[in-house]
C-alpha cells in the first residue's frame, strides 16, 4: 500500500511538466521581446520554446517530428544536440551513482 504522505511518481511528473511549461513561457516571452527590440534575436528563443512545449504536449511533439522528417538537415542537427544532451545526462547519472557508492562504503 502506498503512503499518502510521500509524494508519488505523479507529483514528480507534474513538477517536470510545470517546469517545462515555465521554461517554454520564458523563452516565448524572450522571443516576443526579440520582435520588439531589433538587437535581440527572436528565432532561437521561439525554437527553444517549441522544444520545451514538445516535452509536454504530444500534438506539438508530433508536429515537430513531421517537420524534422520533411527537413533532414534540421533533423540531423537536432539529433546531434539530443545525443550530446543524452551523453551529458548519463555522465551526470554515473557520477552520482559513484558518489553514492563511495559514501555507502565510507559509512
C-alpha atoms as a PDB file:
ATOM      1  CA  UNK A   1       0.000   0.000   0.000  1.00  0.00           C
ATOM      2  CA  UNK A   2       1.316   3.453  -0.818  1.00  0.00           C
ATOM      3  CA  UNK A   3       1.896   6.091   1.814  1.00  0.00           C
ATOM      4  CA  UNK A   4      -0.267   9.185   1.116  1.00  0.00           C
ATOM      5  CA  UNK A   5       2.208  11.464   2.938  1.00  0.00           C
ATOM      6  CA  UNK A   6       5.020  10.705   0.481  1.00  0.00           C
ATOM      7  CA  UNK A   7       4.917  12.330  -2.938  1.00  0.00           C
ATOM      8  CA  UNK A   8       4.434   9.730  -5.636  1.00  0.00           C
ATOM      9  CA  UNK A   9       5.648   9.449  -9.182  1.00  0.00           C
ATOM     10  CA  UNK A  10       2.714  11.570 -10.376  1.00  0.00           C
ATOM     11  CA  UNK A  11       3.850  14.640  -8.457  1.00  0.00           C
ATOM     12  CA  UNK A  12       7.360  14.357  -9.872  1.00  0.00           C
ATOM     13  CA  UNK A  13       5.970  14.121 -13.390  1.00  0.00           C
ATOM     14  CA  UNK A  14       3.653  17.047 -12.715  1.00  0.00           C
ATOM     15  CA  UNK A  15       6.554  19.168 -11.442  1.00  0.00           C
ATOM     16  CA  UNK A  16       8.571  18.314 -14.553  1.00  0.00           C
ATOM     17  CA  UNK A  17       5.652  19.298 -16.787  1.00  0.00           C
ATOM     18  CA  UNK A  18       5.165  22.584 -14.942  1.00  0.00           C
ATOM     19  CA  UNK A  19       8.890  23.295 -15.126  1.00  0.00           C
ATOM     20  CA  UNK A  20       8.911  22.622 -18.878  1.00  0.00           C
ATOM     21  CA  UNK A  21       5.870  24.865 -19.343  1.00  0.00           C
ATOM     22  CA  UNK A  22       7.564  27.640 -17.376  1.00  0.00           C
ATOM     23  CA  UNK A  23      10.703  27.340 -19.499  1.00  0.00           C
ATOM     24  CA  UNK A  24       8.571  27.388 -22.663  1.00  0.00           C
ATOM     25  CA  UNK A  25       6.806  30.535 -21.462  1.00  0.00           C
ATOM     26  CA  UNK A  26      10.111  32.172 -20.523  1.00  0.00           C
ATOM     27  CA  UNK A  27      11.633  31.542 -23.943  1.00  0.00           C
ATOM     28  CA  UNK A  28       8.423  32.634 -25.673  1.00  0.00           C
ATOM     29  CA  UNK A  29       8.490  35.945 -23.773  1.00  0.00           C
ATOM     30  CA  UNK A  30      12.142  36.409 -24.756  1.00  0.00           C
ATOM     31  CA  UNK A  31      11.144  35.761 -28.376  1.00  0.00           C
ATOM     32  CA  UNK A  32       8.432  38.418 -28.184  1.00  0.00           C
ATOM     33  CA  UNK A  33      10.953  40.840 -26.679  1.00  0.00           C
ATOM     34  CA  UNK A  34      13.228  39.952 -29.605  1.00  0.00           C
ATOM     35  CA  UNK A  35      10.488  41.002 -32.013  1.00  0.00           C
ATOM     36  CA  UNK A  36      10.083  44.336 -30.234  1.00  0.00           C
ATOM     37  CA  UNK A  37      13.813  45.053 -29.865  1.00  0.00           C
ATOM     38  CA  UNK A  38      15.804  44.655 -33.081  1.00  0.00           C
ATOM     39  CA  UNK A  39      19.032  43.913 -31.182  1.00  0.00           C
ATOM     40  CA  UNK A  40      17.729  40.713 -29.506  1.00  0.00           C
ATOM     41  CA  UNK A  41      17.329  37.630 -31.751  1.00  0.00           C
ATOM     42  CA  UNK A  42      13.899  36.033 -31.625  1.00  0.00           C
ATOM     43  CA  UNK A  43      14.138  32.827 -33.666  1.00  0.00           C
ATOM     44  CA  UNK A  44      16.343  30.833 -31.221  1.00  0.00           C
ATOM     45  CA  UNK A  45      14.020  31.719 -28.352  1.00  0.00           C
ATOM     46  CA  UNK A  46      10.916  30.603 -30.246  1.00  0.00           C
ATOM     47  CA  UNK A  47      12.680  27.349 -31.189  1.00  0.00           C
ATOM     48  CA  UNK A  48      13.590  26.696 -27.542  1.00  0.00           C
ATOM     49  CA  UNK A  49      10.008  27.449 -26.541  1.00  0.00           C
ATOM     50  CA  UNK A  50       8.774  24.936 -29.111  1.00  0.00           C
ATOM     51  CA  UNK A  51      11.207  22.282 -27.865  1.00  0.00           C
ATOM     52  CA  UNK A  52      10.034  22.671 -24.274  1.00  0.00           C
ATOM     53  CA  UNK A  53       6.396  22.577 -25.380  1.00  0.00           C
ATOM     54  CA  UNK A  54       7.111  19.351 -27.268  1.00  0.00           C
ATOM     55  CA  UNK A  55       8.152  17.774 -23.958  1.00  0.00           C
ATOM     56  CA  UNK A  56       4.699  18.492 -22.532  1.00  0.00           C
ATOM     57  CA  UNK A  57       2.197  18.192 -25.392  1.00  0.00           C
ATOM     58  CA  UNK A  58       2.095  15.131 -27.689  1.00  0.00           C
ATOM     59  CA  UNK A  59       0.487  17.123 -30.522  1.00  0.00           C
ATOM     60  CA  UNK A  60       3.436  19.553 -30.567  1.00  0.00           C
ATOM     61  CA  UNK A  61       5.821  16.590 -30.442  1.00  0.00           C
ATOM     62  CA  UNK A  62       4.108  15.015 -33.491  1.00  0.00           C
ATOM     63  CA  UNK A  63       4.261  18.306 -35.402  1.00  0.00           C
ATOM     64  CA  UNK A  64       7.963  18.617 -34.564  1.00  0.00           C
ATOM     65  CA  UNK A  65       8.604  15.062 -35.795  1.00  0.00           C
ATOM     66  CA  UNK A  66       6.763  15.780 -39.058  1.00  0.00           C
ATOM     67  CA  UNK A  67       8.818  18.931 -39.526  1.00  0.00           C
ATOM     68  CA  UNK A  68      12.060  17.063 -38.865  1.00  0.00           C
ATOM     69  CA  UNK A  69      11.019  14.320 -41.283  1.00  0.00           C
ATOM     70  CA  UNK A  70      10.495  16.918 -44.022  1.00  0.00           C
ATOM     71  CA  UNK A  71      13.776  18.742 -43.280  1.00  0.00           C
ATOM     72  CA  UNK A  72      16.626  16.213 -42.936  1.00  0.00           C
ATOM     73  CA  UNK A  73      19.358  18.811 -42.301  1.00  0.00           C
ATOM     74  CA  UNK A  74      17.449  20.179 -39.335  1.00  0.00           C
ATOM     75  CA  UNK A  75      16.770  16.619 -38.172  1.00  0.00           C
ATOM     76  CA  UNK A  76      20.499  15.860 -38.221  1.00  0.00           C
ATOM     77  CA  UNK A  77      21.307  18.965 -36.155  1.00  0.00           C
ATOM     78  CA  UNK A  78      18.504  18.179 -33.709  1.00  0.00           C
ATOM     79  CA  UNK A  79      19.726  14.574 -33.359  1.00  0.00           C
ATOM     80  CA  UNK A  80      23.290  15.723 -32.650  1.00  0.00           C
ATOM     81  CA  UNK A  81      22.025  18.145 -29.999  1.00  0.00           C
ATOM     82  CA  UNK A  82      19.860  15.441 -28.419  1.00  0.00           C
ATOM     83  CA  UNK A  83      22.748  12.929 -28.382  1.00  0.00           C
ATOM     84  CA  UNK A  84      25.053  15.432 -26.673  1.00  0.00           C
ATOM     85  CA  UNK A  85      22.377  16.143 -24.087  1.00  0.00           C
ATOM     86  CA  UNK A  86      21.851  12.399 -23.505  1.00  0.00           C
ATOM     87  CA  UNK A  87      25.597  11.791 -23.040  1.00  0.00           C
ATOM     88  CA  UNK A  88      25.822  14.645 -20.566  1.00  0.00           C
ATOM     89  CA  UNK A  89      22.826  13.298 -18.614  1.00  0.00           C
ATOM     90  CA  UNK A  90      24.277   9.757 -18.484  1.00  0.00           C
ATOM     91  CA  UNK A  91      27.637  11.119 -17.376  1.00  0.00           C
ATOM     92  CA  UNK A  92      25.901  13.003 -14.565  1.00  0.00           C
ATOM     93  CA  UNK A  93      23.963   9.885 -13.511  1.00  0.00           C
ATOM     94  CA  UNK A  94      27.132   7.771 -13.469  1.00  0.00           C
ATOM     95  CA  UNK A  95      28.906  10.393 -11.365  1.00  0.00           C
ATOM     96  CA  UNK A  96      26.054  10.483  -8.815  1.00  0.00           C
ATOM     97  CA  UNK A  97      25.989   6.670  -8.595  1.00  0.00           C
ATOM     98  CA  UNK A  98      29.745   6.588  -7.969  1.00  0.00           C
ATOM     99  CA  UNK A  99      29.400   9.234  -5.251  1.00  0.00           C
ATOM    100  CA  UNK A 100      26.586   7.274  -3.630  1.00  0.00           C
ATOM    101  CA  UNK A 101      28.585   4.041  -3.613  1.00  0.00           C
ATOM    102  CA  UNK A 102      31.611   5.856  -2.182  1.00  0.00           C
ATOM    103  CA  UNK A 103      29.504   7.356   0.592  1.00  0.00           C
ATOM    104  CA  UNK A 104      27.976   3.960   1.283  1.00  0.00           C
ATOM    105  CA  UNK A 105      31.382   2.308   1.587  1.00  0.00           C
ATOM    106  CA  UNK A 106      32.698   5.060   3.878  1.00  0.00           C
ATOM    107  CA  UNK A 107      29.926   4.579   6.445  1.00  0.00           C
END
